[in-house]
Amino acid sequence: MDHIRGRNVRISLRQNSVPIKIIRAKTIALDEDAEEGADDVCGEDTSRPFIVHNFWTISFGSFTADLGVLDSWLDDIANDALALAPLSKVIGIQFDLLNGTTKAYKAGQMTRSPGKVDVSDRKSAVMQSTKYRARLFAQATL
């Protein structure tokens, strides 16, 4: 086995420095939002490609034990309704590598995208899906 598996990855969420109950993520996705383009320069045979980074999108689907993520959404919505300063949000993602080391990353200056709570049938686990857009994403120290 020479690939990192999902069991080696954990995600955490803090809102206003308060940790949200441990997220039992089933899926985690990190996507870069960027614009791609190309400059055509006279006298050159090919274009000069470029990319302009916009922000990061972090999404996760998690098993629900206590609805802590839903409660954080409601707190965020209530805060916005009162026209108060935005609540700070930070996501941490930790990877346990196969060589025994750990790498961690932190996303900040985030805004929440619409979320979803999914109850499908009496036997299935209740799932929460959420997405955050982060201006900052960088390697973190442990």
Protein backbone atom coordinates (compact mmCIF):
# COMPACT_ATOMS: atom_id res chain seq x y z
CA MET A 1 0.00 0.00 0.00
CA ASP A 2 1.72 3.15 -1.17
CA HIS A 3 -1.08 5.73 -1.25
CA ILE A 4 -2.57 7.89 1.48
CA ARG A 5 -6.06 6.63 2.35
CA GLY A 6 -9.04 8.50 3.72
CA ARG A 7 -8.44 6.94 7.14
CA ASN A 8 -5.22 9.00 7.27
CA VAL A 9 -6.99 12.36 6.82
CA ARG A 10 -8.86 14.42 9.41
CA ILE A 11 -10.67 17.74 9.16
CA SER A 12 -11.51 20.21 11.91
CA LEU A 13 -13.61 23.36 11.99
CA ARG A 14 -13.48 26.32 14.37
CA GLN A 15 -15.90 29.22 14.44
CA ASN A 16 -14.95 32.25 16.55
CA SER A 17 -12.13 30.11 18.04
CA VAL A 18 -14.66 27.54 19.28
CA PRO A 19 -14.10 24.02 17.95
CA ILE A 20 -17.12 22.45 16.30
CA LYS A 21 -17.63 18.86 17.49
CA ILE A 22 -15.22 16.45 15.78
CA ILE A 23 -16.32 16.15 12.18
CA ARG A 24 -16.63 12.55 11.02
CA ALA A 25 -16.07 13.36 7.37
CA LYS A 26 -16.95 10.80 4.74
CA THR A 27 -15.73 13.04 1.92
CA ILE A 28 -13.35 15.99 1.84
CA ALA A 29 -12.58 18.03 -1.28
CA LEU A 30 -10.17 20.92 -1.77
CA ASP A 31 -10.58 22.86 -5.01
CA GLU A 32 -8.70 25.87 -6.32
CA ASP A 33 -10.82 28.52 -8.04
CA ALA A 34 -8.71 30.25 -10.68
CA GLU A 35 -8.93 31.94 -14.06
CA GLU A 36 -6.83 30.57 -16.89
CA GLY A 37 -5.84 32.63 -19.87
CA ALA A 38 -3.25 33.12 -22.55
CA ASP A 39 -1.49 36.17 -23.90
CA ASP A 40 -0.84 36.20 -27.63
CA VAL A 41 2.34 38.10 -28.40
CA CYS A 42 3.15 39.26 -31.90
CA GLY A 43 6.11 37.49 -33.42
CA GLU A 44 5.77 34.36 -31.26
CA ASP A 45 4.57 30.95 -32.48
CA THR A 46 2.57 30.07 -29.36
CA SER A 47 0.57 31.82 -26.64
CA ARG A 48 1.92 32.54 -23.17
CA PRO A 49 -0.45 30.72 -20.77
CA PHE A 50 -1.11 32.06 -17.28
CA ILE A 51 -3.29 31.41 -14.26
CA VAL A 52 -4.73 33.86 -11.72
CA HIS A 53 -5.66 32.31 -8.35
CA ASN A 54 -8.96 33.51 -6.84
CA PHE A 55 -9.68 31.44 -3.71
CA TRP A 56 -9.96 27.90 -2.34
CA THR A 57 -13.13 25.86 -1.88
CA ILE A 58 -13.18 23.27 0.91
CA SER A 59 -16.20 20.99 1.00
CA PHE A 60 -17.01 17.99 3.13
CA GLY A 61 -19.80 15.55 3.73
CA SER A 62 -19.91 14.37 7.31
CA PHE A 63 -21.76 11.87 9.44
CA THR A 64 -23.93 13.60 12.02
CA ALA A 65 -23.60 12.86 15.71
CA ASP A 66 -24.78 16.08 17.33
CA LEU A 67 -25.65 18.62 14.59
CA GLY A 68 -22.74 20.86 15.64
CA VAL A 69 -22.09 21.89 12.05
CA LEU A 70 -25.77 22.81 11.54
CA ASP A 71 -25.68 24.84 14.78
CA SER A 72 -22.60 26.70 13.48
CA TRP A 73 -24.54 27.58 10.30
CA LEU A 74 -27.44 28.93 12.36
CA ASP A 75 -25.06 31.00 14.51
CA ASP A 76 -23.47 32.40 11.35
CA ILE A 77 -26.86 33.28 9.82
CA ALA A 78 -28.08 34.93 13.06
CA ASN A 79 -24.85 36.92 13.31
CA ASP A 80 -25.23 38.17 9.73
CA ALA A 81 -28.89 39.09 10.34
CA LEU A 82 -27.77 41.37 13.18
CA ALA A 83 -25.23 43.04 10.84
CA LEU A 84 -22.37 42.19 13.21
CA ALA A 85 -18.77 41.60 12.21
CA PRO A 86 -18.44 38.22 10.47
CA LEU A 87 -17.65 35.23 12.66
CA SER A 88 -14.11 33.96 12.10
CA LYS A 89 -13.92 30.49 10.60
CA VAL A 90 -10.87 28.22 10.30
CA ILE A 91 -10.61 24.75 8.80
CA GLY A 92 -7.70 22.44 9.49
CA ILE A 93 -6.86 19.37 7.41
CA GLN A 94 -4.32 16.86 8.69
CA PHE A 95 -2.69 14.10 6.64
CA ASP A 96 -0.86 11.22 8.35
CA LEU A 97 1.69 10.17 5.73
CA LEU A 98 2.84 6.61 5.25
CA ASN A 99 6.41 7.45 6.29
CA GLY A 100 5.17 8.24 9.81
CA THR A 101 5.16 12.03 9.45
CA THR A 102 2.18 14.36 9.49
CA LYS A 103 1.34 17.32 7.27
CA ALA A 104 -1.28 19.86 8.23
CA TYR A 105 -2.94 22.69 6.34
CA LYS A 106 -5.07 25.60 7.52
CA ALA A 107 -7.70 27.62 5.66
CA GLY A 108 -8.75 31.06 6.88
CA GLN A 109 -10.60 34.25 5.96
CA MET A 110 -13.54 32.08 4.97
CA THR A 111 -17.18 32.42 4.12
CA ARG A 112 -19.72 29.62 4.28
CA SER A 113 -21.63 28.42 1.24
CA PRO A 114 -25.14 26.95 1.59
CA GLY A 115 -25.21 23.66 3.48
CA LYS A 116 -27.45 20.62 3.51
CA VAL A 117 -28.63 18.05 6.05
CA ASP A 118 -29.69 14.80 4.39
CA VAL A 119 -31.91 12.23 6.09
CA SER A 120 -32.51 9.47 3.56
CA ASP A 121 -34.12 6.51 5.35
CA ARG A 122 -34.45 4.87 8.74
CA LYS A 123 -31.25 2.80 8.40
CA SER A 124 -28.89 5.34 6.89
CA ALA A 125 -26.71 7.76 8.81
CA VAL A 126 -27.77 11.40 8.70
CA MET A 127 -25.27 13.37 6.61
CA GLN A 128 -24.33 17.06 6.55
CA SER A 129 -22.79 18.59 3.45
CA THR A 130 -21.13 21.95 3.59
CA LYS A 131 -18.73 24.09 1.66
CA TYR A 132 -16.52 27.00 2.62
CA ARG A 133 -14.66 29.44 0.39
CA ALA A 134 -11.31 30.47 1.82
CA ARG A 135 -9.09 33.33 0.81
CA LEU A 136 -6.10 31.79 2.54
CA PHE A 137 -4.83 28.19 2.49
CA ALA A 138 -1.36 27.27 3.65
CA GLN A 139 0.72 24.62 5.32
CA ALA A 140 0.35 24.76 9.10
CA THR A 141 2.75 23.86 11.87
CA LEU A 142 1.75 21.15 14.31
